Amino acid sequence: MGGYTLADYMINSMMLTATYNHYRLIKDPKTGKDKFFSKTDAINTFTSLGYTEKEAINQWKASKTTLWDAYEEKDGLFVKKAEYENIITKKLEDQIAGRLRDRTAMYNGIVPMTEKAKMQ
């Protein structure tokens, strides 16, 4: 079981890092405030306001600040940096946690909670 746990930890940590690096800080065109967007969220938001998909992707790519950059290690805990306290919402954290829970469950061969409802 130890080998499985080690491999599972490595896969889960890579998934966590990849997910946090996929969200980038962009000025929300609807509110004018900074917000973390996934690439898909950026495309959907910007194209709904008349931008082309290419322009939306370029906005997302232009940002060099990722969600991973908004956290730091403090006393062994992964905590938000002070300057991002008002940008990282509970809704965003719950969205990320749900995405990670579902993806890692799938990688472990477990049916994710979001898929169990479809099976009944």
PDB file of N, CA and C in Angstrom:
ATOM      1  N   MET A   1       0.827  -1.203   0.000  1.00  0.00           N
ATOM      2  CA  MET A   1       0.000   0.000   0.000  1.00  0.00           C
ATOM      3  C   MET A   1       0.863   1.255   0.000  1.00  0.00           C
ATOM      4  N   GLY A   2       2.070   1.150   0.556  1.00  0.00           N
ATOM      5  CA  GLY A   2       2.953   2.312   0.635  1.00  0.00           C
ATOM      6  C   GLY A   2       3.335   2.844  -0.731  1.00  0.00           C
ATOM      7  N   GLY A   3       3.612   1.936  -1.664  1.00  0.00           N
ATOM      8  CA  GLY A   3       3.960   2.356  -3.024  1.00  0.00           C
ATOM      9  C   GLY A   3       2.802   3.063  -3.709  1.00  0.00           C
ATOM     10  N   TYR A   4       1.600   2.544  -3.488  1.00  0.00           N
ATOM     11  CA  TYR A   4       0.410   3.171  -4.073  1.00  0.00           C
ATOM     12  C   TYR A   4       0.229   4.578  -3.496  1.00  0.00           C
ATOM     13  N   THR A   5       0.391   4.709  -2.187  1.00  0.00           N
ATOM     14  CA  THR A   5       0.220   6.002  -1.528  1.00  0.00           C
ATOM     15  C   THR A   5       1.226   7.015  -2.063  1.00  0.00           C
ATOM     16  N   LEU A   6       2.462   6.588  -2.245  1.00  0.00           N
ATOM     17  CA  LEU A   6       3.489   7.485  -2.769  1.00  0.00           C
ATOM     18  C   LEU A   6       3.137   7.927  -4.193  1.00  0.00           C
ATOM     19  N   ALA A   7       2.740   6.993  -5.036  1.00  0.00           N
ATOM     20  CA  ALA A   7       2.369   7.329  -6.412  1.00  0.00           C
ATOM     21  C   ALA A   7       1.123   8.216  -6.438  1.00  0.00           C
ATOM     22  N   ASP A   8       0.165   7.905  -5.569  1.00  0.00           N
ATOM     23  CA  ASP A   8      -1.067   8.683  -5.496  1.00  0.00           C
ATOM     24  C   ASP A   8      -0.768  10.123  -5.071  1.00  0.00           C
ATOM     25  N   TYR A   9       0.108  10.277  -4.106  1.00  0.00           N
ATOM     26  CA  TYR A   9       0.487  11.609  -3.638  1.00  0.00           C
ATOM     27  C   TYR A   9       1.123  12.407  -4.777  1.00  0.00           C
ATOM     28  N   MET A  10       1.997  11.783  -5.526  1.00  0.00           N
ATOM     29  CA  MET A  10       2.678  12.481  -6.616  1.00  0.00           C
ATOM     30  C   MET A  10       1.686  12.901  -7.703  1.00  0.00           C
ATOM     31  N   ILE A  11       0.780  12.028  -8.066  1.00  0.00           N
ATOM     32  CA  ILE A  11      -0.210  12.351  -9.094  1.00  0.00           C
ATOM     33  C   ILE A  11      -1.133  13.469  -8.610  1.00  0.00           C
ATOM     34  N   ASN A  12      -1.604  13.346  -7.379  1.00  0.00           N
ATOM     35  CA  ASN A  12      -2.500  14.367  -6.827  1.00  0.00           C
ATOM     36  C   ASN A  12      -1.806  15.718  -6.709  1.00  0.00           C
ATOM     37  N   SER A  13      -0.541  15.725  -6.312  1.00  0.00           N
ATOM     38  CA  SER A  13       0.170  16.999  -6.169  1.00  0.00           C
ATOM     39  C   SER A  13       0.429  17.637  -7.534  1.00  0.00           C
ATOM     40  N   MET A  14       0.698  16.826  -8.555  1.00  0.00           N
ATOM     41  CA  MET A  14       0.863  17.385  -9.908  1.00  0.00           C
ATOM     42  C   MET A  14      -0.455  17.965 -10.410  1.00  0.00           C
ATOM     43  N   MET A  15      -1.553  17.296 -10.114  1.00  0.00           N
ATOM     44  CA  MET A  15      -2.870  17.783 -10.523  1.00  0.00           C
ATOM     45  C   MET A  15      -3.192  19.098  -9.807  1.00  0.00           C
ATOM     46  N   LEU A  16      -2.880  19.175  -8.528  1.00  0.00           N
ATOM     47  CA  LEU A  16      -3.115  20.395  -7.758  1.00  0.00           C
ATOM     48  C   LEU A  16      -2.299  21.550  -8.334  1.00  0.00           C
ATOM     49  N   THR A  17      -1.030  21.324  -8.576  1.00  0.00           N
ATOM     50  CA  THR A  17      -0.153  22.365  -9.111  1.00  0.00           C
ATOM     51  C   THR A  17      -0.625  22.817 -10.489  1.00  0.00           C
ATOM     52  N   ALA A  18      -0.971  21.866 -11.338  1.00  0.00           N
ATOM     53  CA  ALA A  18      -1.436  22.202 -12.691  1.00  0.00           C
ATOM     54  C   ALA A  18      -2.726  23.012 -12.646  1.00  0.00           C
ATOM     55  N   THR A  19      -3.642  22.631 -11.774  1.00  0.00           N
ATOM     56  CA  THR A  19      -4.920  23.338 -11.667  1.00  0.00           C
ATOM     57  C   THR A  19      -4.701  24.761 -11.174  1.00  0.00           C
ATOM     58  N   TYR A  20      -3.900  24.935 -10.135  1.00  0.00           N
ATOM     59  CA  TYR A  20      -3.649  26.276  -9.601  1.00  0.00           C
ATOM     60  C   TYR A  20      -2.891  27.142 -10.609  1.00  0.00           C
ATOM     61  N   ASN A  21      -2.043  26.553 -11.416  1.00  0.00           N
ATOM     62  CA  ASN A  21      -1.327  27.322 -12.434  1.00  0.00           C
ATOM     63  C   ASN A  21      -2.197  27.630 -13.652  1.00  0.00           C
ATOM     64  N   HIS A  22      -3.318  26.942 -13.783  1.00  0.00           N
ATOM     65  CA  HIS A  22      -4.232  27.163 -14.907  1.00  0.00           C
ATOM     66  C   HIS A  22      -5.102  28.410 -14.702  1.00  0.00           C
ATOM     67  N   TYR A  23      -5.241  28.849 -13.473  1.00  0.00           N
ATOM     68  CA  TYR A  23      -6.036  30.047 -13.177  1.00  0.00           C
ATOM     69  C   TYR A  23      -5.106  31.251 -13.143  1.00  0.00           C
ATOM     70  N   ARG A  24      -5.472  32.291 -13.898  1.00  0.00           N
ATOM     71  CA  ARG A  24      -4.621  33.474 -13.997  1.00  0.00           C
ATOM     72  C   ARG A  24      -5.401  34.726 -13.624  1.00  0.00           C
ATOM     73  N   LEU A  25      -4.663  35.681 -13.080  1.00  0.00           N
ATOM     74  CA  LEU A  25      -5.253  36.927 -12.623  1.00  0.00           C
ATOM     75  C   LEU A  25      -5.429  37.896 -13.796  1.00  0.00           C
ATOM     76  N   ILE A  26      -6.682  38.231 -14.069  1.00  0.00           N
ATOM     77  CA  ILE A  26      -7.031  39.119 -15.183  1.00  0.00           C
ATOM     78  C   ILE A  26      -8.052  40.130 -14.667  1.00  0.00           C
ATOM     79  N   LYS A  27      -8.033  41.310 -15.229  1.00  0.00           N
ATOM     80  CA  LYS A  27      -9.052  42.298 -14.897  1.00  0.00           C
ATOM     81  C   LYS A  27     -10.369  41.866 -15.540  1.00  0.00           C
ATOM     82  N   ASP A  28     -11.385  41.667 -14.707  1.00  0.00           N
ATOM     83  CA  ASP A  28     -12.693  41.230 -15.188  1.00  0.00           C
ATOM     84  C   ASP A  28     -13.319  42.365 -16.005  1.00  0.00           C
ATOM     85  N   PRO A  29     -13.610  42.132 -17.281  1.00  0.00           N
ATOM     86  CA  PRO A  29     -14.162  43.203 -18.104  1.00  0.00           C
ATOM     87  C   PRO A  29     -15.575  43.630 -17.688  1.00  0.00           C
ATOM     88  N   LYS A  30     -16.254  42.796 -16.933  1.00  0.00           N
ATOM     89  CA  LYS A  30     -17.609  43.135 -16.491  1.00  0.00           C
ATOM     90  C   LYS A  30     -17.597  44.034 -15.266  1.00  0.00           C
ATOM     91  N   THR A  31     -16.622  43.820 -14.366  1.00  0.00           N
ATOM     92  CA  THR A  31     -16.598  44.580 -13.113  1.00  0.00           C
ATOM     93  C   THR A  31     -15.418  45.536 -13.007  1.00  0.00           C
ATOM     94  N   GLY A  32     -14.392  45.317 -13.806  1.00  0.00           N
ATOM     95  CA  GLY A  32     -13.194  46.150 -13.720  1.00  0.00           C
ATOM     96  C   GLY A  32     -12.272  45.763 -12.580  1.00  0.00           C
ATOM     97  N   LYS A  33     -12.610  44.684 -11.863  1.00  0.00           N
ATOM     98  CA  LYS A  33     -11.797  44.219 -10.733  1.00  0.00           C
ATOM     99  C   LYS A  33     -10.969  43.010 -11.149  1.00  0.00           C
ATOM    100  N   ASP A  34      -9.851  42.804 -10.478  1.00  0.00           N
ATOM    101  CA  ASP A  34      -9.016  41.639 -10.743  1.00  0.00           C
ATOM    102  C   ASP A  34      -9.737  40.372 -10.298  1.00  0.00           C
ATOM    103  N   LYS A  35      -9.592  39.320 -11.103  1.00  0.00           N
ATOM    104  CA  LYS A  35     -10.251  38.043 -10.817  1.00  0.00           C
ATOM    105  C   LYS A  35      -9.409  36.933 -11.417  1.00  0.00           C
ATOM    106  N   PHE A  36      -9.414  35.763 -10.776  1.00  0.00           N
ATOM    107  CA  PHE A  36      -8.728  34.597 -11.324  1.00  0.00           C
ATOM    108  C   PHE A  36      -9.664  33.872 -12.283  1.00  0.00           C
ATOM    109  N   PHE A  37      -9.186  33.676 -13.506  1.00  0.00           N
ATOM    110  CA  PHE A  37      -9.949  33.007 -14.556  1.00  0.00           C
ATOM    111  C   PHE A  37      -9.199  31.771 -15.021  1.00  0.00           C
ATOM    112  N   SER A  38      -9.939  30.690 -15.256  1.00  0.00           N
ATOM    113  CA  SER A  38      -9.360  29.578 -16.018  1.00  0.00           C
ATOM    114  C   SER A  38      -9.399  30.017 -17.473  1.00  0.00           C
ATOM    115  N   LYS A  39      -8.735  29.294 -18.333  1.00  0.00           N
ATOM    116  CA  LYS A  39      -8.732  29.653 -19.755  1.00  0.00           C
ATOM    117  C   LYS A  39     -10.157  29.623 -20.313  1.00  0.00           C
ATOM    118  N   THR A  40     -10.921  28.595 -19.959  1.00  0.00           N
ATOM    119  CA  THR A  40     -12.296  28.473 -20.435  1.00  0.00           C
ATOM    120  C   THR A  40     -13.162  29.608 -19.908  1.00  0.00           C
ATOM    121  N   ASP A  41     -13.005  29.942 -18.627  1.00  0.00           N
ATOM    122  CA  ASP A  41     -13.767  31.051 -18.039  1.00  0.00           C
ATOM    123  C   ASP A  41     -13.452  32.359 -18.754  1.00  0.00           C
ATOM    124  N   ALA A  42     -12.179  32.575 -19.058  1.00  0.00           N
ATOM    125  CA  ALA A  42     -11.766  33.801 -19.755  1.00  0.00           C
ATOM    126  C   ALA A  42     -12.390  33.858 -21.148  1.00  0.00           C
ATOM    127  N   ILE A  43     -12.337  32.744 -21.862  1.00  0.00           N
ATOM    128  CA  ILE A  43     -12.923  32.704 -23.205  1.00  0.00           C
ATOM    129  C   ILE A  43     -14.418  33.002 -23.140  1.00  0.00           C
ATOM    130  N   ASN A  44     -15.121  32.339 -22.235  1.00  0.00           N
ATOM    131  CA  ASN A  44     -16.570  32.540 -22.119  1.00  0.00           C
ATOM    132  C   ASN A  44     -16.924  33.975 -21.736  1.00  0.00           C
ATOM    133  N   THR A  45     -16.194  34.536 -20.780  1.00  0.00           N
ATOM    134  CA  THR A  45     -16.482  35.889 -20.311  1.00  0.00           C
ATOM    135  C   THR A  45     -16.186  36.931 -21.389  1.00  0.00           C
ATOM    136  N   PHE A  46     -15.010  36.847 -21.981  1.00  0.00           N
ATOM    137  CA  PHE A  46     -14.611  37.860 -22.959  1.00  0.00           C
ATOM    138  C   PHE A  46     -15.411  37.759 -24.258  1.00  0.00           C
ATOM    139  N   THR A  47     -15.679  36.543 -24.730  1.00  0.00           N
ATOM    140  CA  THR A  47     -16.437  36.418 -25.984  1.00  0.00           C
ATOM    141  C   THR A  47     -17.887  36.870 -25.809  1.00  0.00           C
ATOM    142  N   SER A  48     -18.433  36.723 -24.598  1.00  0.00           N
ATOM    143  CA  SER A  48     -19.807  37.195 -24.363  1.00  0.00           C
ATOM    144  C   SER A  48     -19.888  38.719 -24.438  1.00  0.00           C
ATOM    145  N   LEU A  49     -18.736  39.385 -24.356  1.00  0.00           N
ATOM    146  CA  LEU A  49     -18.696  40.848 -24.439  1.00  0.00           C
ATOM    147  C   LEU A  49     -18.209  41.345 -25.797  1.00  0.00           C
ATOM    148  N   GLY A  50     -18.089  40.430 -26.764  1.00  0.00           N
ATOM    149  CA  GLY A  50     -17.743  40.828 -28.114  1.00  0.00           C
ATOM    150  C   GLY A  50     -16.295  40.625 -28.515  1.00  0.00           C
ATOM    151  N   TYR A  51     -15.457  40.161 -27.605  1.00  0.00           N
ATOM    152  CA  TYR A  51     -14.073  39.851 -27.967  1.00  0.00           C
ATOM    153  C   TYR A  51     -14.052  38.583 -28.815  1.00  0.00           C
ATOM    154  N   THR A  52     -13.029  38.421 -29.620  1.00  0.00           N
ATOM    155  CA  THR A  52     -12.859  37.161 -30.338  1.00  0.00           C
ATOM    156  C   THR A  52     -12.236  36.153 -29.376  1.00  0.00           C
ATOM    157  N   GLU A  53     -12.312  34.887 -29.742  1.00  0.00           N
ATOM    158  CA  GLU A  53     -11.712  33.853 -28.896  1.00  0.00           C
ATOM    159  C   GLU A  53     -10.202  34.059 -28.792  1.00  0.00           C
ATOM    160  N   LYS A  54      -9.589  34.450 -29.891  1.00  0.00           N
ATOM    161  CA  LYS A  54      -8.143  34.696 -29.889  1.00  0.00           C
ATOM    162  C   LYS A  54      -7.778  35.842 -28.945  1.00  0.00           C
ATOM    163  N   GLU A  55      -8.562  36.905 -28.948  1.00  0.00           N
ATOM    164  CA  GLU A  55      -8.312  38.033 -28.037  1.00  0.00           C
ATOM    165  C   GLU A  55      -8.472  37.599 -26.585  1.00  0.00           C
ATOM    166  N   ALA A  56      -9.480  36.771 -26.329  1.00  0.00           N
ATOM    167  CA  ALA A  56      -9.712  36.274 -24.969  1.00  0.00           C
ATOM    168  C   ALA A  56      -8.535  35.426 -24.501  1.00  0.00           C
ATOM    169  N   ILE A  57      -8.059  34.546 -25.357  1.00  0.00           N
ATOM    170  CA  ILE A  57      -6.910  33.693 -25.010  1.00  0.00           C
ATOM    171  C   ILE A  57      -5.667  34.545 -24.778  1.00  0.00           C
ATOM    172  N   ASN A  58      -5.485  35.573 -25.607  1.00  0.00           N
ATOM    173  CA  ASN A  58      -4.332  36.460 -25.428  1.00  0.00           C
ATOM    174  C   ASN A  58      -4.395  37.209 -24.105  1.00  0.00           C
ATOM    175  N   GLN A  59      -5.595  37.608 -23.682  1.00  0.00           N
ATOM    176  CA  GLN A  59      -5.756  38.254 -22.371  1.00  0.00           C
ATOM    177  C   GLN A  59      -5.324  37.294 -21.258  1.00  0.00           C
ATOM    178  N   TRP A  60      -5.760  36.047 -21.380  1.00  0.00           N
ATOM    179  CA  TRP A  60      -5.432  35.032 -20.382  1.00  0.00           C
ATOM    180  C   TRP A  60      -3.931  34.749 -20.369  1.00  0.00           C
ATOM    181  N   LYS A  61      -3.341  34.599 -21.561  1.00  0.00           N
ATOM    182  CA  LYS A  61      -1.914  34.297 -21.668  1.00  0.00           C
ATOM    183  C   LYS A  61      -1.039  35.450 -21.192  1.00  0.00           C
ATOM    184  N   ALA A  62      -1.516  36.670 -21.358  1.00  0.00           N
ATOM    185  CA  ALA A  62      -0.720  37.851 -20.993  1.00  0.00           C
ATOM    186  C   ALA A  62      -0.489  37.948 -19.484  1.00  0.00           C
ATOM    187  N   SER A  63      -1.377  37.368 -18.719  1.00  0.00           N
ATOM    188  CA  SER A  63      -1.223  37.416 -17.265  1.00  0.00           C
ATOM    189  C   SER A  63      -0.162  36.427 -16.817  1.00  0.00           C
ATOM    190  N   LYS A  64       0.759  36.893 -16.040  1.00  0.00           N
ATOM    191  CA  LYS A  64       1.822  36.028 -15.520  1.00  0.00           C
ATOM    192  C   LYS A  64       1.581  35.630 -14.061  1.00  0.00           C
ATOM    193  N   THR A  65       0.514  36.158 -13.451  1.00  0.00           N
ATOM    194  CA  THR A  65       0.188  35.825 -12.067  1.00  0.00           C
ATOM    195  C   THR A  65      -0.839  34.704 -12.048  1.00  0.00           C
ATOM    196  N   THR A  66      -0.441  33.567 -11.500  1.00  0.00           N
ATOM    197  CA  THR A  66      -1.343  32.424 -11.411  1.00  0.00           C
ATOM    198  C   THR A  66      -1.901  32.314 -10.000  1.00  0.00           C
ATOM    199  N   LEU A  67      -2.901  31.479  -9.860  1.00  0.00           N
ATOM    200  CA  LEU A  67      -3.477  31.233  -8.537  1.00  0.00           C
ATOM    201  C   LEU A  67      -2.431  30.617  -7.611  1.00  0.00           C
ATOM    202  N   TRP A  68      -1.527  29.836  -8.169  1.00  0.00           N
ATOM    203  CA  TRP A  68      -0.444  29.249  -7.371  1.00  0.00           C
ATOM    204  C   TRP A  68       0.414  30.348  -6.734  1.00  0.00           C
ATOM    205  N   ASP A  69       0.633  31.432  -7.471  1.00  0.00           N
ATOM    206  CA  ASP A  69       1.433  32.554  -6.973  1.00  0.00           C
ATOM    207  C   ASP A  69       0.741  33.303  -5.840  1.00  0.00           C
ATOM    208  N   ALA A  70      -0.557  33.151  -5.725  1.00  0.00           N
ATOM    209  CA  ALA A  70      -1.333  33.882  -4.725  1.00  0.00           C
ATOM    210  C   ALA A  70      -1.306  33.219  -3.352  1.00  0.00           C
ATOM    211  N   TYR A  71      -0.638  32.090  -3.253  1.00  0.00           N
ATOM    212  CA  TYR A  71      -0.542  31.373  -1.983  1.00  0.00           C
ATOM    213  C   TYR A  71       0.916  31.265  -1.566  1.00  0.00           C
ATOM    214  N   GLU A  72       1.096  31.044  -0.272  1.00  0.00           N
ATOM    215  CA  GLU A  72       2.431  30.839   0.260  1.00  0.00           C
ATOM    216  C   GLU A  72       2.371  29.806   1.379  1.00  0.00           C
ATOM    217  N   GLU A  73       3.521  29.265   1.703  1.00  0.00           N
ATOM    218  CA  GLU A  73       3.612  28.303   2.798  1.00  0.00           C
ATOM    219  C   GLU A  73       3.931  29.088   4.072  1.00  0.00           C
ATOM    220  N   LYS A  74       3.111  28.866   5.083  1.00  0.00           N
ATOM    221  CA  LYS A  74       3.315  29.532   6.363  1.00  0.00           C
ATOM    222  C   LYS A  74       3.052  28.517   7.469  1.00  0.00           C
ATOM    223  N   ASP A  75       4.072  28.203   8.219  1.00  0.00           N
ATOM    224  CA  ASP A  75       3.966  27.230   9.316  1.00  0.00           C
ATOM    225  C   ASP A  75       3.395  25.894   8.840  1.00  0.00           C
ATOM    226  N   GLY A  76       3.815  25.473   7.661  1.00  0.00           N
ATOM    227  CA  GLY A  76       3.386  24.194   7.121  1.00  0.00           C
ATOM    228  C   GLY A  76       2.014  24.208   6.475  1.00  0.00           C
ATOM    229  N   LEU A  77       1.397  25.374   6.355  1.00  0.00           N
ATOM    230  CA  LEU A  77       0.075  25.486   5.759  1.00  0.00           C
ATOM    231  C   LEU A  77       0.144  26.279   4.456  1.00  0.00           C
ATOM    232  N   PHE A  78      -0.762  25.999   3.547  1.00  0.00           N
ATOM    233  CA  PHE A  78      -0.884  26.672   2.264  1.00  0.00           C
ATOM    234  C   PHE A  78      -1.909  27.785   2.457  1.00  0.00           C
ATOM    235  N   VAL A  79      -1.449  29.035   2.585  1.00  0.00           N
ATOM    236  CA  VAL A  79      -2.351  30.144   2.908  1.00  0.00           C
ATOM    237  C   VAL A  79      -2.279  31.241   1.849  1.00  0.00           C
ATOM    238  N   LYS A  80      -3.371  32.014   1.736  1.00  0.00           N
ATOM    239  CA  LYS A  80      -3.431  33.117   0.785  1.00  0.00           C
ATOM    240  C   LYS A  80      -2.467  34.219   1.202  1.00  0.00           C
ATOM    241  N   LYS A  81      -1.810  34.816   0.222  1.00  0.00           N
ATOM    242  CA  LYS A  81      -0.999  35.994   0.488  1.00  0.00           C
ATOM    243  C   LYS A  81      -1.950  37.153   0.764  1.00  0.00           C
ATOM    244  N   ALA A  82      -1.522  38.073   1.606  1.00  0.00           N
ATOM    245  CA  ALA A  82      -2.377  39.177   2.038  1.00  0.00           C
ATOM    246  C   ALA A  82      -2.955  39.981   0.879  1.00  0.00           C
ATOM    247  N   GLU A  83      -2.153  40.215  -0.162  1.00  0.00           N
ATOM    248  CA  GLU A  83      -2.627  41.050  -1.272  1.00  0.00           C
ATOM    249  C   GLU A  83      -3.713  40.390  -2.121  1.00  0.00           C
ATOM    250  N   TYR A  84      -3.945  39.097  -1.921  1.00  0.00           N
ATOM    251  CA  TYR A  84      -4.964  38.388  -2.693  1.00  0.00           C
ATOM    252  C   TYR A  84      -6.179  37.997  -1.849  1.00  0.00           C
ATOM    253  N   GLU A  85      -6.209  38.419  -0.600  1.00  0.00           N
ATOM    254  CA  GLU A  85      -7.310  38.063   0.312  1.00  0.00           C
ATOM    255  C   GLU A  85      -8.681  38.399  -0.265  1.00  0.00           C
ATOM    256  N   ASN A  86      -8.807  39.565  -0.892  1.00  0.00           N
ATOM    257  CA  ASN A  86     -10.110  39.996  -1.406  1.00  0.00           C
ATOM    258  C   ASN A  86     -10.415  39.461  -2.793  1.00  0.00           C
ATOM    259  N   ILE A  87      -9.431  38.871  -3.446  1.00  0.00           N
ATOM    260  CA  ILE A  87      -9.627  38.363  -4.809  1.00  0.00           C
ATOM    261  C   ILE A  87     -10.011  36.881  -4.793  1.00  0.00           C
ATOM    262  N   ILE A  88      -9.399  36.117  -3.889  1.00  0.00           N
ATOM    263  CA  ILE A  88      -9.685  34.680  -3.800  1.00  0.00           C
ATOM    264  C   ILE A  88     -10.916  34.493  -2.917  1.00  0.00           C
ATOM    265  N   THR A  89     -12.022  34.157  -3.550  1.00  0.00           N
ATOM    266  CA  THR A  89     -13.289  34.013  -2.839  1.00  0.00           C
ATOM    267  C   THR A  89     -13.508  32.569  -2.384  1.00  0.00           C
ATOM    268  N   LYS A  90     -14.429  32.402  -1.483  1.00  0.00           N
ATOM    269  CA  LYS A  90     -14.815  31.066  -1.021  1.00  0.00           C
ATOM    270  C   LYS A  90     -15.381  30.269  -2.192  1.00  0.00           C
ATOM    271  N   LYS A  91     -16.120  30.931  -3.060  1.00  0.00           N
ATOM    272  CA  LYS A  91     -16.694  30.271  -4.240  1.00  0.00           C
ATOM    273  C   LYS A  91     -15.585  29.714  -5.140  1.00  0.00           C
ATOM    274  N   LEU A  92     -14.534  30.489  -5.367  1.00  0.00           N
ATOM    275  CA  LEU A  92     -13.416  30.027  -6.183  1.00  0.00           C
ATOM    276  C   LEU A  92     -12.707  28.853  -5.513  1.00  0.00           C
ATOM    277  N   GLU A  93     -12.470  28.960  -4.216  1.00  0.00           N
ATOM    278  CA  GLU A  93     -11.814  27.859  -3.494  1.00  0.00           C
ATOM    279  C   GLU A  93     -12.643  26.578  -3.563  1.00  0.00           C
ATOM    280  N   ASP A  94     -13.965  26.712  -3.420  1.00  0.00           N
ATOM    281  CA  ASP A  94     -14.846  25.538  -3.500  1.00  0.00           C
ATOM    282  C   ASP A  94     -14.842  24.950  -4.915  1.00  0.00           C
ATOM    283  N   GLN A  95     -14.810  25.814  -5.930  1.00  0.00           N
ATOM    284  CA  GLN A  95     -14.760  25.365  -7.321  1.00  0.00           C
ATOM    285  C   GLN A  95     -13.480  24.579  -7.584  1.00  0.00           C
ATOM    286  N   ILE A  96     -12.358  25.087  -7.111  1.00  0.00           N
ATOM    287  CA  ILE A  96     -11.068  24.416  -7.288  1.00  0.00           C
ATOM    288  C   ILE A  96     -11.070  23.084  -6.533  1.00  0.00           C
ATOM    289  N   ALA A  97     -11.547  23.090  -5.294  1.00  0.00           N
ATOM    290  CA  ALA A  97     -11.572  21.859  -4.493  1.00  0.00           C
ATOM    291  C   ALA A  97     -12.437  20.793  -5.166  1.00  0.00           C
ATOM    292  N   GLY A  98     -13.589  21.189  -5.701  1.00  0.00           N
ATOM    293  CA  GLY A  98     -14.471  20.244  -6.385  1.00  0.00           C
ATOM    294  C   GLY A  98     -13.819  19.674  -7.633  1.00  0.00           C
ATOM    295  N   ARG A  99     -13.178  20.545  -8.388  1.00  0.00           N
ATOM    296  CA  ARG A  99     -12.498  20.099  -9.610  1.00  0.00           C
ATOM    297  C   ARG A  99     -11.393  19.104  -9.262  1.00  0.00           C
ATOM    298  N   LEU A 100     -10.607  19.427  -8.245  1.00  0.00           N
ATOM    299  CA  LEU A 100      -9.515  18.529  -7.839  1.00  0.00           C
ATOM    300  C   LEU A 100     -10.045  17.204  -7.298  1.00  0.00           C
ATOM    301  N   ARG A 101     -11.097  17.266  -6.506  1.00  0.00           N
ATOM    302  CA  ARG A 101     -11.684  16.044  -5.930  1.00  0.00           C
ATOM    303  C   ARG A 101     -12.183  15.121  -7.040  1.00  0.00           C
ATOM    304  N   ASP A 102     -12.873  15.692  -8.024  1.00  0.00           N
ATOM    305  CA  ASP A 102     -13.408  14.880  -9.120  1.00  0.00           C
ATOM    306  C   ASP A 102     -12.302  14.307  -9.995  1.00  0.00           C
ATOM    307  N   ARG A 103     -11.336  15.130 -10.353  1.00  0.00           N
ATOM    308  CA  ARG A 103     -10.247  14.671 -11.230  1.00  0.00           C
ATOM    309  C   ARG A 103      -9.404  13.591 -10.558  1.00  0.00           C
ATOM    310  N   THR A 104      -9.022  13.820  -9.323  1.00  0.00           N
ATOM    311  CA  THR A 104      -8.171  12.831  -8.656  1.00  0.00           C
ATOM    312  C   THR A 104      -8.935  11.538  -8.391  1.00  0.00           C
ATOM    313  N   ALA A 105     -10.227  11.638  -8.131  1.00  0.00           N
ATOM    314  CA  ALA A 105     -11.032  10.419  -7.956  1.00  0.00           C
ATOM    315  C   ALA A 105     -11.037   9.626  -9.256  1.00  0.00           C
ATOM    316  N   MET A 106     -11.215  10.333 -10.367  1.00  0.00           N
ATOM    317  CA  MET A 106     -11.213   9.671 -11.670  1.00  0.00           C
ATOM    318  C   MET A 106      -9.880   8.974 -11.928  1.00  0.00           C
ATOM    319  N   TYR A 107      -8.783   9.641 -11.610  1.00  0.00           N
ATOM    320  CA  TYR A 107      -7.461   9.064 -11.831  1.00  0.00           C
ATOM    321  C   TYR A 107      -7.225   7.842 -10.948  1.00  0.00           C
ATOM    322  N   ASN A 108      -7.915   7.783  -9.807  1.00  0.00           N
ATOM    323  CA  ASN A 108      -7.785   6.648  -8.906  1.00  0.00           C
ATOM    324  C   ASN A 108      -8.789   5.547  -9.215  1.00  0.00           C
ATOM    325  N   GLY A 109      -9.584   5.724 -10.261  1.00  0.00           N
ATOM    326  CA  GLY A 109     -10.543   4.692 -10.655  1.00  0.00           C
ATOM    327  C   GLY A 109     -11.813   4.709  -9.843  1.00  0.00           C
ATOM    328  N   ILE A 110     -12.100   5.829  -9.202  1.00  0.00           N
ATOM    329  CA  ILE A 110     -13.311   5.976  -8.396  1.00  0.00           C
ATOM    330  C   ILE A 110     -14.281   6.859  -9.160  1.00  0.00           C
ATOM    331  N   VAL A 111     -15.562   6.544  -9.113  1.00  0.00           N
ATOM    332  CA  VAL A 111     -16.547   7.368  -9.773  1.00  0.00           C
ATOM    333  C   VAL A 111     -16.702   8.660  -8.966  1.00  0.00           C
ATOM    334  N   PRO A 112     -16.441   9.823  -9.580  1.00  0.00           N
ATOM    335  CA  PRO A 112     -16.564  11.095  -8.864  1.00  0.00           C
ATOM    336  C   PRO A 112     -18.009  11.356  -8.439  1.00  0.00           C
ATOM    337  N   MET A 113     -18.183  12.140  -7.397  1.00  0.00           N
ATOM    338  CA  MET A 113     -19.510  12.467  -6.883  1.00  0.00           C
ATOM    339  C   MET A 113     -20.384  13.101  -7.957  1.00  0.00           C
ATOM    340  N   THR A 114     -19.811  13.919  -8.811  1.00  0.00           N
ATOM    341  CA  THR A 114     -20.596  14.587  -9.852  1.00  0.00           C
ATOM    342  C   THR A 114     -21.132  13.590 -10.882  1.00  0.00           C
ATOM    343  N   GLU A 115     -20.508  12.444 -11.005  1.00  0.00           N
ATOM    344  CA  GLU A 115     -20.950  11.433 -11.976  1.00  0.00           C
ATOM    345  C   GLU A 115     -21.904  10.414 -11.364  1.00  0.00           C
ATOM    346  N   LYS A 116     -21.891  10.270 -10.033  1.00  0.00           N
ATOM    347  CA  LYS A 116     -22.737   9.264  -9.392  1.00  0.00           C
ATOM    348  C   LYS A 116     -24.217   9.537  -9.630  1.00  0.00           C
ATOM    349  N   ALA A 117     -24.598  10.801  -9.670  1.00  0.00           N
ATOM    350  CA  ALA A 117     -26.009  11.139  -9.899  1.00  0.00           C
ATOM    351  C   ALA A 117     -26.473  10.698 -11.278  1.00  0.00           C
ATOM    352  N   LYS A 118     -25.566  10.701 -12.242  1.00  0.00           N
ATOM    353  CA  LYS A 118     -25.912  10.308 -13.609  1.00  0.00           C
ATOM    354  C   LYS A 118     -26.117   8.801 -13.730  1.00  0.00           C
ATOM    355  N   MET A 119     -25.575   8.044 -12.779  1.00  0.00           N
ATOM    356  CA  MET A 119     -25.629   6.585 -12.844  1.00  0.00           C
ATOM    357  C   MET A 119     -26.970   6.034 -12.343  1.00  0.00           C
ATOM    358  N   GLN A 120     -27.707   6.827 -11.609  1.00  0.00           N
ATOM    359  CA  GLN A 120     -28.941   6.317 -10.999  1.00  0.00           C
ATOM    360  C   GLN A 120     -30.133   6.465 -11.896  1.00  0.00           C
TER     361      GLN A 120
END
